[in-house]
Structure formats: structure tokens, C-alpha cells
Amino acid sequence: MPSDNPFDHNDIDDVIHGRLRLGIMAYLTSVSPAVFGELKEKVGATDGNLSTHLRKLEEAGYVRIEKRFVGKRPQTRVFLTDEGRAGWLAWLGRMQSLMRAAE
């Protein structure tokens, strides 16, 4: 349950709040699914770094990873889940509350 204290930072979702994960979530809210290579380019990550952060988002239920073949080439697609969208909106709400309180 969110705090009534507008400066309380304890209910900020740490899974989303990490810099790279924040970029991933922001991009996926406008483009879902995103192909791994496209996402990597948009957020400026390496393969390994992006994979690590996607795994954390997947474990939280925020993204779903789908691996398939397009022709003979493997393709990884990343989908934002309903839970991920709800988490993103909650994170945005918390940030907006902090900004309003600081005005």
C-alpha cells in the first residue's frame, strides 16, 4: 500500500527503478513486443547486460520472453505483461507524487 507521505521512497519498485530496467520498461510501453536486437540498440546495452536485466524483469512477471525462429535465424521477442504495465504505471505515479511534493 502506498504511503501517505509524498516524500516516502520506500514503495518505489526497485525492479523497475534500475537505470537500464527503467529504459527497458519505458520502451516496452510503446513497443511491445520488441525484438532483442532492437531493444538492445534503443537502451544502449550489451547482449549480456540486457539479458541479465530482462531476466530480473521476467522473474518479477513484468516481461515475457519468447524465442522463435524467423526463417533459419533465432529471434527473441520481449513482451510487456499486464503486471508489467501495472507496475510501470505505479512507478510513474510514485515519481509524479514525489515531483509534486517537491514543487
PDB file of N, CA and C in Angstrom:
ATOM      1  N   MET A   1       0.848  -1.182   0.000  1.00  0.00           N
ATOM      2  CA  MET A   1       0.000   0.000   0.000  1.00  0.00           C
ATOM      3  C   MET A   1       0.889   1.239   0.000  1.00  0.00           C
ATOM      4  N   PRO A   2       0.612   2.181  -0.920  1.00  0.00           N
ATOM      5  CA  PRO A   2       1.425   3.388  -0.989  1.00  0.00           C
ATOM      6  C   PRO A   2       1.304   4.220   0.286  1.00  0.00           C
ATOM      7  N   SER A   3       2.375   4.892   0.608  1.00  0.00           N
ATOM      8  CA  SER A   3       2.429   5.744   1.790  1.00  0.00           C
ATOM      9  C   SER A   3       1.690   7.057   1.538  1.00  0.00           C
ATOM     10  N   ASP A   4       1.173   7.651   2.607  1.00  0.00           N
ATOM     11  CA  ASP A   4       0.552   8.974   2.513  1.00  0.00           C
ATOM     12  C   ASP A   4       1.618  10.068   2.501  1.00  0.00           C
ATOM     13  N   ASN A   5       2.829   9.736   2.885  1.00  0.00           N
ATOM     14  CA  ASN A   5       3.931  10.684   2.904  1.00  0.00           C
ATOM     15  C   ASN A   5       4.446  10.849   1.478  1.00  0.00           C
ATOM     16  N   PRO A   6       4.291  12.037   0.872  1.00  0.00           N
ATOM     17  CA  PRO A   6       4.703  12.204  -0.529  1.00  0.00           C
ATOM     18  C   PRO A   6       6.205  12.070  -0.753  1.00  0.00           C
ATOM     19  N   PHE A   7       6.999  12.128   0.312  1.00  0.00           N
ATOM     20  CA  PHE A   7       8.455  12.002   0.168  1.00  0.00           C
ATOM     21  C   PHE A   7       8.960  10.595   0.489  1.00  0.00           C
ATOM     22  N   ASP A   8       8.046   9.689   0.816  1.00  0.00           N
ATOM     23  CA  ASP A   8       8.435   8.314   1.153  1.00  0.00           C
ATOM     24  C   ASP A   8       8.901   7.589  -0.101  1.00  0.00           C
ATOM     25  N   HIS A   9      10.129   7.158  -0.086  1.00  0.00           N
ATOM     26  CA  HIS A   9      10.710   6.469  -1.236  1.00  0.00           C
ATOM     27  C   HIS A   9      10.664   4.946  -1.083  1.00  0.00           C
ATOM     28  N   ASN A  10      10.162   4.456   0.027  1.00  0.00           N
ATOM     29  CA  ASN A  10      10.205   3.013   0.305  1.00  0.00           C
ATOM     30  C   ASN A  10       9.313   2.182  -0.596  1.00  0.00           C
ATOM     31  N   ASP A  11       8.277   2.777  -1.193  1.00  0.00           N
ATOM     32  CA  ASP A  11       7.417   1.975  -2.059  1.00  0.00           C
ATOM     33  C   ASP A  11       7.760   2.115  -3.544  1.00  0.00           C
ATOM     34  N   ILE A  12       8.927   2.656  -3.848  1.00  0.00           N
ATOM     35  CA  ILE A  12       9.399   2.700  -5.234  1.00  0.00           C
ATOM     36  C   ILE A  12       9.860   1.291  -5.606  1.00  0.00           C
ATOM     37  N   ASP A  13       9.366   0.798  -6.714  1.00  0.00           N
ATOM     38  CA  ASP A  13       9.680  -0.556  -7.178  1.00  0.00           C
ATOM     39  C   ASP A  13      11.130  -0.613  -7.649  1.00  0.00           C
ATOM     40  N   ASP A  14      11.988  -1.266  -6.870  1.00  0.00           N
ATOM     41  CA  ASP A  14      13.412  -1.360  -7.207  1.00  0.00           C
ATOM     42  C   ASP A  14      13.669  -2.169  -8.471  1.00  0.00           C
ATOM     43  N   VAL A  15      12.773  -3.074  -8.813  1.00  0.00           N
ATOM     44  CA  VAL A  15      12.956  -3.854 -10.037  1.00  0.00           C
ATOM     45  C   VAL A  15      12.886  -2.919 -11.243  1.00  0.00           C
ATOM     46  N   ILE A  16      11.941  -2.017 -11.247  1.00  0.00           N
ATOM     47  CA  ILE A  16      11.797  -1.076 -12.359  1.00  0.00           C
ATOM     48  C   ILE A  16      12.803   0.066 -12.254  1.00  0.00           C
ATOM     49  N   HIS A  17      13.123   0.493 -11.054  1.00  0.00           N
ATOM     50  CA  HIS A  17      13.879   1.717 -10.838  1.00  0.00           C
ATOM     51  C   HIS A  17      15.339   1.651 -11.291  1.00  0.00           C
ATOM     52  N   GLY A  18      15.883   0.468 -11.491  1.00  0.00           N
ATOM     53  CA  GLY A  18      17.251   0.372 -12.005  1.00  0.00           C
ATOM     54  C   GLY A  18      17.342   1.063 -13.360  1.00  0.00           C
ATOM     55  N   ARG A  19      18.402   1.773 -13.622  1.00  0.00           N
ATOM     56  CA  ARG A  19      18.517   2.605 -14.821  1.00  0.00           C
ATOM     57  C   ARG A  19      18.198   1.880 -16.122  1.00  0.00           C
ATOM     58  N   LEU A  20      18.835   0.743 -16.363  1.00  0.00           N
ATOM     59  CA  LEU A  20      18.610   0.021 -17.612  1.00  0.00           C
ATOM     60  C   LEU A  20      17.196  -0.573 -17.645  1.00  0.00           C
ATOM     61  N   ARG A  21      16.743  -1.107 -16.520  1.00  0.00           N
ATOM     62  CA  ARG A  21      15.392  -1.676 -16.474  1.00  0.00           C
ATOM     63  C   ARG A  21      14.344  -0.591 -16.684  1.00  0.00           C
ATOM     64  N   LEU A  22      14.621   0.598 -16.206  1.00  0.00           N
ATOM     65  CA  LEU A  22      13.727   1.734 -16.433  1.00  0.00           C
ATOM     66  C   LEU A  22      13.606   2.019 -17.925  1.00  0.00           C
ATOM     67  N   GLY A  23      14.720   2.031 -18.611  1.00  0.00           N
ATOM     68  CA  GLY A  23      14.711   2.249 -20.066  1.00  0.00           C
ATOM     69  C   GLY A  23      13.977   1.142 -20.805  1.00  0.00           C
ATOM     70  N   ILE A  24      14.192  -0.092 -20.374  1.00  0.00           N
ATOM     71  CA  ILE A  24      13.513  -1.234 -20.989  1.00  0.00           C
ATOM     72  C   ILE A  24      12.004  -1.085 -20.826  1.00  0.00           C
ATOM     73  N   MET A  25      11.562  -0.813 -19.614  1.00  0.00           N
ATOM     74  CA  MET A  25      10.132  -0.693 -19.343  1.00  0.00           C
ATOM     75  C   MET A  25       9.529   0.476 -20.129  1.00  0.00           C
ATOM     76  N   ALA A  26      10.214   1.592 -20.171  1.00  0.00           N
ATOM     77  CA  ALA A  26       9.708   2.751 -20.905  1.00  0.00           C
ATOM     78  C   ALA A  26       9.543   2.407 -22.381  1.00  0.00           C
ATOM     79  N   TYR A  27      10.525   1.738 -22.956  1.00  0.00           N
ATOM     80  CA  TYR A  27      10.449   1.398 -24.373  1.00  0.00           C
ATOM     81  C   TYR A  27       9.322   0.399 -24.624  1.00  0.00           C
ATOM     82  N   LEU A  28       9.207  -0.591 -23.763  1.00  0.00           N
ATOM     83  CA  LEU A  28       8.185  -1.618 -23.975  1.00  0.00           C
ATOM     84  C   LEU A  28       6.762  -1.082 -23.813  1.00  0.00           C
ATOM     85  N   THR A  29       6.577   0.010 -23.114  1.00  0.00           N
ATOM     86  CA  THR A  29       5.226   0.561 -23.003  1.00  0.00           C
ATOM     87  C   THR A  29       4.748   1.107 -24.335  1.00  0.00           C
ATOM     88  N   SER A  30       5.675   1.451 -25.222  1.00  0.00           N
ATOM     89  CA  SER A  30       5.276   1.963 -26.534  1.00  0.00           C
ATOM     90  C   SER A  30       5.464   0.935 -27.638  1.00  0.00           C
ATOM     91  N   VAL A  31       6.345  -0.034 -27.432  1.00  0.00           N
ATOM     92  CA  VAL A  31       6.625  -1.045 -28.448  1.00  0.00           C
ATOM     93  C   VAL A  31       6.678  -2.410 -27.767  1.00  0.00           C
ATOM     94  N   SER A  32       5.603  -3.145 -27.857  1.00  0.00           N
ATOM     95  CA  SER A  32       5.587  -4.487 -27.283  1.00  0.00           C
ATOM     96  C   SER A  32       4.838  -5.394 -28.237  1.00  0.00           C
ATOM     97  N   PRO A  33       5.480  -6.416 -28.755  1.00  0.00           N
ATOM     98  CA  PRO A  33       6.800  -6.884 -28.360  1.00  0.00           C
ATOM     99  C   PRO A  33       7.914  -6.112 -29.061  1.00  0.00           C
ATOM    100  N   ALA A  34       9.082  -6.204 -28.461  1.00  0.00           N
ATOM    101  CA  ALA A  34      10.293  -5.658 -29.070  1.00  0.00           C
ATOM    102  C   ALA A  34      11.243  -6.819 -29.332  1.00  0.00           C
ATOM    103  N   VAL A  35      11.892  -6.784 -30.462  1.00  0.00           N
ATOM    104  CA  VAL A  35      12.911  -7.781 -30.783  1.00  0.00           C
ATOM    105  C   VAL A  35      14.165  -7.436 -29.977  1.00  0.00           C
ATOM    106  N   PHE A  36      14.852  -8.452 -29.481  1.00  0.00           N
ATOM    107  CA  PHE A  36      16.009  -8.274 -28.604  1.00  0.00           C
ATOM    108  C   PHE A  36      17.007  -7.265 -29.177  1.00  0.00           C
ATOM    109  N   GLY A  37      17.398  -7.414 -30.433  1.00  0.00           N
ATOM    110  CA  GLY A  37      18.391  -6.519 -31.036  1.00  0.00           C
ATOM    111  C   GLY A  37      17.931  -5.075 -31.080  1.00  0.00           C
ATOM    112  N   GLU A  38      16.664  -4.878 -31.378  1.00  0.00           N
ATOM    113  CA  GLU A  38      16.068  -3.532 -31.403  1.00  0.00           C
ATOM    114  C   GLU A  38      16.089  -2.922 -29.998  1.00  0.00           C
ATOM    115  N   LEU A  39      15.692  -3.707 -29.010  1.00  0.00           N
ATOM    116  CA  LEU A  39      15.677  -3.243 -27.620  1.00  0.00           C
ATOM    117  C   LEU A  39      17.089  -2.909 -27.152  1.00  0.00           C
ATOM    118  N   LYS A  40      18.033  -3.764 -27.493  1.00  0.00           N
ATOM    119  CA  LYS A  40      19.440  -3.555 -27.135  1.00  0.00           C
ATOM    120  C   LYS A  40      19.940  -2.221 -27.679  1.00  0.00           C
ATOM    121  N   GLU A  41      19.608  -1.943 -28.921  1.00  0.00           N
ATOM    122  CA  GLU A  41      20.032  -0.690 -29.554  1.00  0.00           C
ATOM    123  C   GLU A  41      19.361   0.516 -28.897  1.00  0.00           C
ATOM    124  N   LYS A  42      18.071   0.422 -28.632  1.00  0.00           N
ATOM    125  CA  LYS A  42      17.325   1.557 -28.076  1.00  0.00           C
ATOM    126  C   LYS A  42      17.783   1.932 -26.676  1.00  0.00           C
ATOM    127  N   VAL A  43      18.135   0.929 -25.856  1.00  0.00           N
ATOM    128  CA  VAL A  43      18.537   1.236 -24.480  1.00  0.00           C
ATOM    129  C   VAL A  43      20.054   1.295 -24.300  1.00  0.00           C
ATOM    130  N   GLY A  44      20.798   1.028 -25.372  1.00  0.00           N
ATOM    131  CA  GLY A  44      22.251   1.143 -25.321  1.00  0.00           C
ATOM    132  C   GLY A  44      22.918   0.123 -24.417  1.00  0.00           C
ATOM    133  N   ALA A  45      22.498  -1.134 -24.536  1.00  0.00           N
ATOM    134  CA  ALA A  45      23.031  -2.193 -23.671  1.00  0.00           C
ATOM    135  C   ALA A  45      23.850  -3.193 -24.479  1.00  0.00           C
ATOM    136  N   THR A  46      24.637  -3.984 -23.773  1.00  0.00           N
ATOM    137  CA  THR A  46      25.310  -5.119 -24.397  1.00  0.00           C
ATOM    138  C   THR A  46      24.370  -6.321 -24.315  1.00  0.00           C
ATOM    139  N   ASP A  47      24.678  -7.357 -25.071  1.00  0.00           N
ATOM    140  CA  ASP A  47      23.858  -8.580 -25.040  1.00  0.00           C
ATOM    141  C   ASP A  47      23.728  -9.118 -23.619  1.00  0.00           C
ATOM    142  N   GLY A  48      24.865  -9.283 -22.959  1.00  0.00           N
ATOM    143  CA  GLY A  48      24.874  -9.872 -21.620  1.00  0.00           C
ATOM    144  C   GLY A  48      24.159  -9.014 -20.593  1.00  0.00           C
ATOM    145  N   ASN A  49      24.396  -7.717 -20.661  1.00  0.00           N
ATOM    146  CA  ASN A  49      23.769  -6.800 -19.706  1.00  0.00           C
ATOM    147  C   ASN A  49      22.258  -6.785 -19.898  1.00  0.00           C
ATOM    148  N   LEU A  50      21.814  -6.719 -21.147  1.00  0.00           N
ATOM    149  CA  LEU A  50      20.383  -6.711 -21.418  1.00  0.00           C
ATOM    150  C   LEU A  50      19.748  -8.022 -20.966  1.00  0.00           C
ATOM    151  N   SER A  51      20.399  -9.131 -21.248  1.00  0.00           N
ATOM    152  CA  SER A  51      19.877 -10.440 -20.832  1.00  0.00           C
ATOM    153  C   SER A  51      19.705 -10.519 -19.321  1.00  0.00           C
ATOM    154  N   THR A  52      20.677 -10.029 -18.583  1.00  0.00           N
ATOM    155  CA  THR A  52      20.621 -10.046 -17.124  1.00  0.00           C
ATOM    156  C   THR A  52      19.430  -9.235 -16.611  1.00  0.00           C
ATOM    157  N   HIS A  53      19.244  -8.054 -17.156  1.00  0.00           N
ATOM    158  CA  HIS A  53      18.155  -7.194 -16.697  1.00  0.00           C
ATOM    159  C   HIS A  53      16.793  -7.711 -17.150  1.00  0.00           C
ATOM    160  N   LEU A  54      16.730  -8.301 -18.330  1.00  0.00           N
ATOM    161  CA  LEU A  54      15.472  -8.908 -18.777  1.00  0.00           C
ATOM    162  C   LEU A  54      15.093 -10.083 -17.881  1.00  0.00           C
ATOM    163  N   ARG A  55      16.078 -10.837 -17.454  1.00  0.00           N
ATOM    164  CA  ARG A  55      15.806 -11.970 -16.561  1.00  0.00           C
ATOM    165  C   ARG A  55      15.182 -11.481 -15.253  1.00  0.00           C
ATOM    166  N   LYS A  56      15.707 -10.388 -14.724  1.00  0.00           N
ATOM    167  CA  LYS A  56      15.162  -9.832 -13.480  1.00  0.00           C
ATOM    168  C   LYS A  56      13.720  -9.348 -13.686  1.00  0.00           C
ATOM    169  N   LEU A  57      13.457  -8.702 -14.817  1.00  0.00           N
ATOM    170  CA  LEU A  57      12.095  -8.253 -15.119  1.00  0.00           C
ATOM    171  C   LEU A  57      11.163  -9.443 -15.360  1.00  0.00           C
ATOM    172  N   GLU A  58      11.696 -10.486 -15.974  1.00  0.00           N
ATOM    173  CA  GLU A  58      10.895 -11.692 -16.218  1.00  0.00           C
ATOM    174  C   GLU A  58      10.560 -12.389 -14.898  1.00  0.00           C
ATOM    175  N   GLU A  59      11.530 -12.480 -13.998  1.00  0.00           N
ATOM    176  CA  GLU A  59      11.289 -13.096 -12.684  1.00  0.00           C
ATOM    177  C   GLU A  59      10.232 -12.336 -11.892  1.00  0.00           C
ATOM    178  N   ALA A  60      10.148 -11.024 -12.097  1.00  0.00           N
ATOM    179  CA  ALA A  60       9.143 -10.202 -11.413  1.00  0.00           C
ATOM    180  C   ALA A  60       7.776 -10.302 -12.100  1.00  0.00           C
ATOM    181  N   GLY A  61       7.739 -10.943 -13.271  1.00  0.00           N
ATOM    182  CA  GLY A  61       6.488 -11.073 -14.012  1.00  0.00           C
ATOM    183  C   GLY A  61       6.163  -9.867 -14.877  1.00  0.00           C
ATOM    184  N   TYR A  62       7.131  -8.975 -15.071  1.00  0.00           N
ATOM    185  CA  TYR A  62       6.898  -7.738 -15.813  1.00  0.00           C
ATOM    186  C   TYR A  62       7.058  -7.904 -17.320  1.00  0.00           C
ATOM    187  N   VAL A  63       7.872  -8.870 -17.733  1.00  0.00           N
ATOM    188  CA  VAL A  63       8.033  -9.141 -19.161  1.00  0.00           C
ATOM    189  C   VAL A  63       7.916 -10.636 -19.401  1.00  0.00           C
ATOM    190  N   ARG A  64       7.604 -10.952 -20.635  1.00  0.00           N
ATOM    191  CA  ARG A  64       7.571 -12.350 -21.085  1.00  0.00           C
ATOM    192  C   ARG A  64       8.512 -12.449 -22.272  1.00  0.00           C
ATOM    193  N   ILE A  65       9.366 -13.455 -22.254  1.00  0.00           N
ATOM    194  CA  ILE A  65      10.358 -13.661 -23.309  1.00  0.00           C
ATOM    195  C   ILE A  65       9.879 -14.807 -24.195  1.00  0.00           C
ATOM    196  N   GLU A  66       9.929 -14.579 -25.491  1.00  0.00           N
ATOM    197  CA  GLU A  66       9.546 -15.612 -26.454  1.00  0.00           C
ATOM    198  C   GLU A  66      10.688 -15.809 -27.438  1.00  0.00           C
ATOM    199  N   LYS A  67      11.141 -17.040 -27.558  1.00  0.00           N
ATOM    200  CA  LYS A  67      12.211 -17.354 -28.508  1.00  0.00           C
ATOM    201  C   LYS A  67      11.593 -18.154 -29.643  1.00  0.00           C
ATOM    202  N   ARG A  68      11.935 -17.760 -30.870  1.00  0.00           N
ATOM    203  CA  ARG A  68      11.403 -18.444 -32.037  1.00  0.00           C
ATOM    204  C   ARG A  68      12.402 -18.310 -33.179  1.00  0.00           C
ATOM    205  N   PHE A  69      12.075 -18.914 -34.285  1.00  0.00           N
ATOM    206  CA  PHE A  69      12.909 -18.786 -35.476  1.00  0.00           C
ATOM    207  C   PHE A  69      12.148 -18.013 -36.529  1.00  0.00           C
ATOM    208  N   VAL A  70      12.846 -17.118 -37.201  1.00  0.00           N
ATOM    209  CA  VAL A  70      12.318 -16.414 -38.359  1.00  0.00           C
ATOM    210  C   VAL A  70      13.194 -16.870 -39.515  1.00  0.00           C
ATOM    211  N   GLY A  71      12.608 -17.714 -40.346  1.00  0.00           N
ATOM    212  CA  GLY A  71      13.431 -18.392 -41.336  1.00  0.00           C
ATOM    213  C   GLY A  71      14.339 -19.339 -40.584  1.00  0.00           C
ATOM    214  N   LYS A  72      15.636 -19.207 -40.774  1.00  0.00           N
ATOM    215  CA  LYS A  72      16.601 -20.055 -40.063  1.00  0.00           C
ATOM    216  C   LYS A  72      17.306 -19.310 -38.944  1.00  0.00           C
ATOM    217  N   ARG A  73      16.881 -18.088 -38.700  1.00  0.00           N
ATOM    218  CA  ARG A  73      17.555 -17.264 -37.693  1.00  0.00           C
ATOM    219  C   ARG A  73      16.749 -17.236 -36.400  1.00  0.00           C
ATOM    220  N   PRO A  74      17.430 -17.387 -35.261  1.00  0.00           N
ATOM    221  CA  PRO A  74      16.718 -17.282 -33.983  1.00  0.00           C
ATOM    222  C   PRO A  74      16.321 -15.825 -33.712  1.00  0.00           C
ATOM    223  N   GLN A  75      15.188 -15.659 -33.068  1.00  0.00           N
ATOM    224  CA  GLN A  75      14.722 -14.318 -32.718  1.00  0.00           C
ATOM    225  C   GLN A  75      14.127 -14.362 -31.314  1.00  0.00           C
ATOM    226  N   THR A  76      14.533 -13.420 -30.492  1.00  0.00           N
ATOM    227  CA  THR A  76      13.985 -13.290 -29.143  1.00  0.00           C
ATOM    228  C   THR A  76      13.112 -12.052 -29.126  1.00  0.00           C
ATOM    229  N   ARG A  77      11.865 -12.250 -28.693  1.00  0.00           N
ATOM    230  CA  ARG A  77      10.940 -11.126 -28.571  1.00  0.00           C
ATOM    231  C   ARG A  77      10.602 -10.928 -27.101  1.00  0.00           C
ATOM    232  N   VAL A  78      10.452  -9.670 -26.718  1.00  0.00           N
ATOM    233  CA  VAL A  78      10.167  -9.300 -25.331  1.00  0.00           C
ATOM    234  C   VAL A  78       8.814  -8.600 -25.297  1.00  0.00           C
ATOM    235  N   PHE A  79       7.925  -9.137 -24.486  1.00  0.00           N
ATOM    236  CA  PHE A  79       6.581  -8.599 -24.337  1.00  0.00           C
ATOM    237  C   PHE A  79       6.421  -7.992 -22.949  1.00  0.00           C
ATOM    238  N   LEU A  80       5.771  -6.848 -22.856  1.00  0.00           N
ATOM    239  CA  LEU A  80       5.383  -6.277 -21.572  1.00  0.00           C
ATOM    240  C   LEU A  80       4.110  -6.988 -21.135  1.00  0.00           C
ATOM    241  N   THR A  81       4.074  -7.505 -19.921  1.00  0.00           N
ATOM    242  CA  THR A  81       2.890  -8.198 -19.418  1.00  0.00           C
ATOM    243  C   THR A  81       1.912  -7.192 -18.802  1.00  0.00           C
ATOM    244  N   ASP A  82       0.708  -7.652 -18.513  1.00  0.00           N
ATOM    245  CA  ASP A  82      -0.262  -6.794 -17.820  1.00  0.00           C
ATOM    246  C   ASP A  82       0.276  -6.366 -16.463  1.00  0.00           C
ATOM    247  N   GLU A  83       0.935  -7.299 -15.783  1.00  0.00           N
ATOM    248  CA  GLU A  83       1.547  -6.978 -14.487  1.00  0.00           C
ATOM    249  C   GLU A  83       2.654  -5.935 -14.657  1.00  0.00           C
ATOM    250  N   GLY A  84       3.404  -6.051 -15.752  1.00  0.00           N
ATOM    251  CA  GLY A  84       4.454  -5.076 -16.036  1.00  0.00           C
ATOM    252  C   GLY A  84       3.890  -3.692 -16.298  1.00  0.00           C
ATOM    253  N   ARG A  85       2.794  -3.635 -17.055  1.00  0.00           N
ATOM    254  CA  ARG A  85       2.159  -2.343 -17.320  1.00  0.00           C
ATOM    255  C   ARG A  85       1.644  -1.725 -16.022  1.00  0.00           C
ATOM    256  N   ALA A  86       1.036  -2.540 -15.169  1.00  0.00           N
ATOM    257  CA  ALA A  86       0.540  -2.040 -13.877  1.00  0.00           C
ATOM    258  C   ALA A  86       1.698  -1.556 -13.008  1.00  0.00           C
ATOM    259  N   GLY A  87       2.795  -2.299 -12.983  1.00  0.00           N
ATOM    260  CA  GLY A  87       3.971  -1.890 -12.220  1.00  0.00           C
ATOM    261  C   GLY A  87       4.554  -0.591 -12.743  1.00  0.00           C
ATOM    262  N   TRP A  88       4.592  -0.459 -14.057  1.00  0.00           N
ATOM    263  CA  TRP A  88       5.107   0.760 -14.684  1.00  0.00           C
ATOM    264  C   TRP A  88       4.237   1.960 -14.307  1.00  0.00           C
ATOM    265  N   LEU A  89       2.919   1.798 -14.390  1.00  0.00           N
ATOM    266  CA  LEU A  89       2.014   2.894 -14.047  1.00  0.00           C
ATOM    267  C   LEU A  89       2.129   3.270 -12.568  1.00  0.00           C
ATOM    268  N   ALA A  90       2.313   2.278 -11.703  1.00  0.00           N
ATOM    269  CA  ALA A  90       2.501   2.556 -10.279  1.00  0.00           C
ATOM    270  C   ALA A  90       3.813   3.317 -10.061  1.00  0.00           C
ATOM    271  N   TRP A  91       4.873   2.905 -10.764  1.00  0.00           N
ATOM    272  CA  TRP A  91       6.164   3.588 -10.652  1.00  0.00           C
ATOM    273  C   TRP A  91       6.020   5.040 -11.103  1.00  0.00           C
ATOM    274  N   LEU A  92       5.355   5.244 -12.254  1.00  0.00           N
ATOM    275  CA  LEU A  92       5.146   6.605 -12.751  1.00  0.00           C
ATOM    276  C   LEU A  92       4.364   7.448 -11.744  1.00  0.00           C
ATOM    277  N   GLY A  93       3.326   6.860 -11.167  1.00  0.00           N
ATOM    278  CA  GLY A  93       2.519   7.561 -10.175  1.00  0.00           C
ATOM    279  C   GLY A  93       3.347   7.988  -8.977  1.00  0.00           C
ATOM    280  N   ARG A  94       4.229   7.108  -8.535  1.00  0.00           N
ATOM    281  CA  ARG A  94       5.089   7.421  -7.386  1.00  0.00           C
ATOM    282  C   ARG A  94       6.044   8.557  -7.725  1.00  0.00           C
ATOM    283  N   MET A  95       6.629   8.513  -8.923  1.00  0.00           N
ATOM    284  CA  MET A  95       7.547   9.578  -9.334  1.00  0.00           C
ATOM    285  C   MET A  95       6.799  10.913  -9.448  1.00  0.00           C
ATOM    286  N   GLN A  96       5.593  10.888 -10.001  1.00  0.00           N
ATOM    287  CA  GLN A  96       4.794  12.114 -10.114  1.00  0.00           C
ATOM    288  C   GLN A  96       4.468  12.675  -8.737  1.00  0.00           C
ATOM    289  N   SER A  97       4.154  11.802  -7.797  1.00  0.00           N
ATOM    290  CA  SER A  97       3.862  12.234  -6.430  1.00  0.00           C
ATOM    291  C   SER A  97       5.082  12.898  -5.800  1.00  0.00           C
ATOM    292  N   LEU A  98       6.242  12.309  -5.999  1.00  0.00           N
ATOM    293  CA  LEU A  98       7.480  12.899  -5.467  1.00  0.00           C
ATOM    294  C   LEU A  98       7.747  14.261  -6.099  1.00  0.00           C
ATOM    295  N   MET A  99       7.529  14.369  -7.393  1.00  0.00           N
ATOM    296  CA  MET A  99       7.780  15.645  -8.072  1.00  0.00           C
ATOM    297  C   MET A  99       6.796  16.723  -7.609  1.00  0.00           C
ATOM    298  N   ARG A 100       5.533  16.371  -7.464  1.00  0.00           N
ATOM    299  CA  ARG A 100       4.541  17.345  -6.977  1.00  0.00           C
ATOM    300  C   ARG A 100       4.890  17.818  -5.566  1.00  0.00           C
ATOM    301  N   ALA A 101       5.326  16.890  -4.743  1.00  0.00           N
ATOM    302  CA  ALA A 101       5.662  17.240  -3.359  1.00  0.00           C
ATOM    303  C   ALA A 101       6.859  18.182  -3.298  1.00  0.00           C
ATOM    304  N   ALA A 102       7.745  18.096  -4.273  1.00  0.00           N
ATOM    305  CA  ALA A 102       8.959  18.903  -4.274  1.00  0.00           C
ATOM    306  C   ALA A 102       8.763  20.297  -4.875  1.00  0.00           C
ATOM    307  N   GLU A 103       7.594  20.546  -5.428  1.00  0.00           N
ATOM    308  CA  GLU A 103       7.371  21.867  -6.066  1.00  0.00           C
ATOM    309  C   GLU A 103       7.202  22.965  -5.050  1.00  0.00           C
TER     310      GLU A 103
END
